[in-house]
N, C-alpha and C. Protein backbone atom coordinates (compact mmCIF):
# COMPACT_ATOMS: atom_id res chain seq x y z
N MET A 1 111.89 101.18 85.21
CA MET A 1 111.82 100.88 86.64
C MET A 1 111.49 102.23 87.35
N LYS A 2 110.49 102.11 88.26
CA LYS A 2 110.22 103.27 89.03
C LYS A 2 110.95 103.21 90.32
N VAL A 3 111.57 104.30 90.82
CA VAL A 3 112.33 104.33 91.96
C VAL A 3 111.81 105.49 92.87
N TYR A 4 111.76 105.19 94.12
CA TYR A 4 111.35 106.29 95.08
C TYR A 4 112.60 106.70 95.90
N CYS A 5 112.73 108.06 95.92
CA CYS A 5 113.84 108.62 96.69
C CYS A 5 113.35 109.29 97.90
N VAL A 6 113.85 108.90 99.11
CA VAL A 6 113.55 109.56 100.27
C VAL A 6 114.67 110.58 100.60
N VAL A 7 114.29 111.80 100.61
CA VAL A 7 115.23 112.91 100.93
C VAL A 7 115.03 113.26 102.39
N THR A 8 116.01 113.22 103.21
CA THR A 8 115.94 113.50 104.58
C THR A 8 116.98 114.56 104.95
N GLU A 9 116.52 115.60 105.61
CA GLU A 9 117.41 116.71 106.02
C GLU A 9 117.36 116.72 107.55
N PHE A 10 118.54 116.61 108.09
CA PHE A 10 118.76 116.71 109.56
C PHE A 10 119.49 117.99 109.86
N TYR A 11 118.78 118.95 110.51
CA TYR A 11 119.37 120.29 110.78
C TYR A 11 120.14 120.25 112.08
N ASP A 12 121.06 121.08 112.20
CA ASP A 12 121.93 121.15 113.46
C ASP A 12 121.11 121.54 114.69
N ASN A 13 119.96 122.22 114.46
CA ASN A 13 119.16 122.59 115.61
C ASN A 13 118.16 121.49 115.99
N GLY A 14 118.22 120.30 115.41
CA GLY A 14 117.45 119.20 115.82
C GLY A 14 116.20 118.99 114.87
N LYS A 15 115.85 119.93 114.09
CA LYS A 15 114.75 119.81 113.17
C LYS A 15 115.05 118.77 112.03
N VAL A 16 114.00 117.96 111.63
CA VAL A 16 114.11 116.93 110.66
C VAL A 16 112.99 117.15 109.65
N LYS A 17 113.40 117.18 108.35
CA LYS A 17 112.41 117.17 107.22
C LYS A 17 112.67 115.94 106.40
N ALA A 18 111.55 115.33 105.83
CA ALA A 18 111.76 114.14 105.03
C ALA A 18 110.52 114.21 104.01
N TRP A 19 110.83 113.84 102.77
CA TRP A 19 109.80 113.70 101.77
C TRP A 19 110.22 112.67 100.73
N ILE A 20 109.31 112.26 99.97
CA ILE A 20 109.53 111.22 98.91
C ILE A 20 109.35 111.85 97.48
N THR A 21 110.32 111.54 96.63
CA THR A 21 110.20 111.87 95.21
C THR A 21 110.28 110.58 94.45
N ASP A 22 109.70 110.58 93.24
CA ASP A 22 109.85 109.34 92.46
C ASP A 22 110.52 109.69 91.08
N HIS A 23 111.30 108.62 90.73
CA HIS A 23 112.14 108.85 89.47
C HIS A 23 111.96 107.63 88.62
N THR A 24 112.30 107.78 87.37
CA THR A 24 112.35 106.58 86.45
C THR A 24 113.78 106.37 86.06
N THR A 25 114.26 105.12 86.13
CA THR A 25 115.63 104.83 85.74
C THR A 25 115.54 103.95 84.48
N ASN A 26 116.65 103.92 83.79
CA ASN A 26 116.73 103.07 82.60
C ASN A 26 117.22 101.75 82.92
N GLY A 27 117.90 101.58 84.06
CA GLY A 27 118.54 100.31 84.43
C GLY A 27 117.67 99.55 85.44
N GLU A 28 118.19 98.37 85.79
CA GLU A 28 117.56 97.53 86.78
C GLU A 28 118.04 97.70 88.22
N ARG A 29 119.09 98.59 88.36
CA ARG A 29 119.65 98.89 89.67
C ARG A 29 119.18 100.15 90.29
N LEU A 30 119.10 100.14 91.57
CA LEU A 30 118.80 101.38 92.30
C LEU A 30 119.95 102.31 92.32
N PRO A 31 119.81 103.64 92.23
CA PRO A 31 120.89 104.49 92.37
C PRO A 31 121.51 104.30 93.82
N GLN A 32 122.71 104.70 93.88
CA GLN A 32 123.46 104.62 95.21
C GLN A 32 122.97 105.72 96.12
N SER A 33 122.77 105.38 97.41
CA SER A 33 122.39 106.37 98.33
C SER A 33 123.51 107.41 98.50
N SER A 34 123.21 108.60 98.91
CA SER A 34 124.17 109.65 99.03
C SER A 34 123.97 110.54 100.16
N THR A 35 125.00 111.18 100.65
CA THR A 35 124.93 112.21 101.74
C THR A 35 125.59 113.38 101.32
N THR A 36 124.99 114.59 101.64
CA THR A 36 125.61 115.86 101.40
C THR A 36 125.66 116.63 102.67
N VAL A 37 126.79 117.15 103.07
CA VAL A 37 126.96 117.84 104.32
C VAL A 37 127.03 119.39 104.03
N TYR A 38 126.09 120.08 104.64
CA TYR A 38 126.12 121.52 104.52
C TYR A 38 126.49 122.17 105.85
N ARG A 39 126.60 123.41 105.89
CA ARG A 39 127.02 124.13 107.11
C ARG A 39 125.99 123.91 108.29
N ASN A 40 124.70 123.90 107.95
CA ASN A 40 123.70 123.80 108.94
C ASN A 40 122.86 122.56 108.92
N LYS A 41 123.12 121.68 108.01
CA LYS A 41 122.31 120.36 107.90
C LYS A 41 123.06 119.34 107.14
N ASP A 42 122.61 118.07 107.32
CA ASP A 42 123.02 116.96 106.46
C ASP A 42 121.90 116.54 105.67
N VAL A 43 122.06 116.23 104.42
CA VAL A 43 120.99 115.77 103.52
C VAL A 43 121.31 114.32 103.08
N TYR A 44 120.36 113.44 103.32
CA TYR A 44 120.56 112.00 102.87
C TYR A 44 119.53 111.74 101.71
N ARG A 45 119.93 110.94 100.74
CA ARG A 45 119.10 110.47 99.69
C ARG A 45 119.20 108.96 99.66
N ASP A 46 118.04 108.31 99.99
CA ASP A 46 118.04 106.83 99.98
C ASP A 46 116.98 106.40 98.96
N TYR A 47 117.25 105.37 98.25
CA TYR A 47 116.44 104.94 97.11
C TYR A 47 115.77 103.55 97.37
N PHE A 48 114.55 103.46 96.90
CA PHE A 48 113.73 102.29 97.15
C PHE A 48 112.95 101.88 95.88
N SER A 49 112.79 100.64 95.63
CA SER A 49 111.92 100.21 94.57
C SER A 49 110.47 99.96 95.02
N ASP A 50 110.24 99.85 96.28
CA ASP A 50 108.93 99.58 96.83
C ASP A 50 108.37 100.86 97.55
N LYS A 51 107.33 101.35 97.08
CA LYS A 51 106.72 102.61 97.60
C LYS A 51 106.38 102.50 99.09
N SER A 52 105.83 101.40 99.53
CA SER A 52 105.45 101.29 100.98
C SER A 52 106.69 101.31 101.87
N GLU A 53 107.75 100.73 101.33
CA GLU A 53 108.97 100.72 102.11
C GLU A 53 109.61 102.17 102.19
N ALA A 54 109.46 102.95 101.15
CA ALA A 54 109.96 104.28 101.09
C ALA A 54 109.11 105.14 102.11
N ILE A 55 107.86 104.92 102.11
CA ILE A 55 106.91 105.67 103.01
C ILE A 55 107.25 105.32 104.51
N ARG A 56 107.47 104.07 104.78
CA ARG A 56 107.86 103.60 106.11
C ARG A 56 109.18 104.25 106.52
N PHE A 57 110.17 104.26 105.64
CA PHE A 57 111.45 104.91 105.95
C PHE A 57 111.29 106.38 106.20
N CYS A 58 110.53 107.03 105.40
CA CYS A 58 110.26 108.45 105.51
C CYS A 58 109.62 108.76 106.89
N ASP A 59 108.60 107.99 107.21
CA ASP A 59 107.90 108.19 108.51
C ASP A 59 108.79 107.97 109.67
N GLU A 60 109.63 106.98 109.60
CA GLU A 60 110.64 106.72 110.73
C GLU A 60 111.59 107.92 110.86
N ALA A 61 112.06 108.42 109.73
CA ALA A 61 113.00 109.54 109.76
C ALA A 61 112.38 110.77 110.44
N LYS A 62 111.11 110.97 110.17
CA LYS A 62 110.40 112.18 110.84
C LYS A 62 110.30 111.96 112.32
N GLU A 63 110.23 110.78 112.78
CA GLU A 63 110.23 110.45 114.23
C GLU A 63 111.58 110.60 114.95
N ALA A 64 112.62 110.77 114.18
CA ALA A 64 113.99 110.80 114.78
C ALA A 64 114.16 111.98 115.68
């Protein structure tokens, strides 16, 4: 199963970065979304099985 991960970084100064990576998983389930908090930014990883949905999510995050 091909999975698309949208990595979104929200910086404390208001800057936002987002990009898509693709992964292959052995199972039928999507990995669980996660959040990592750093001193100057928060990083979110959200997973999608549909590439167009991942692209839409990434584009919306960049508009935040």
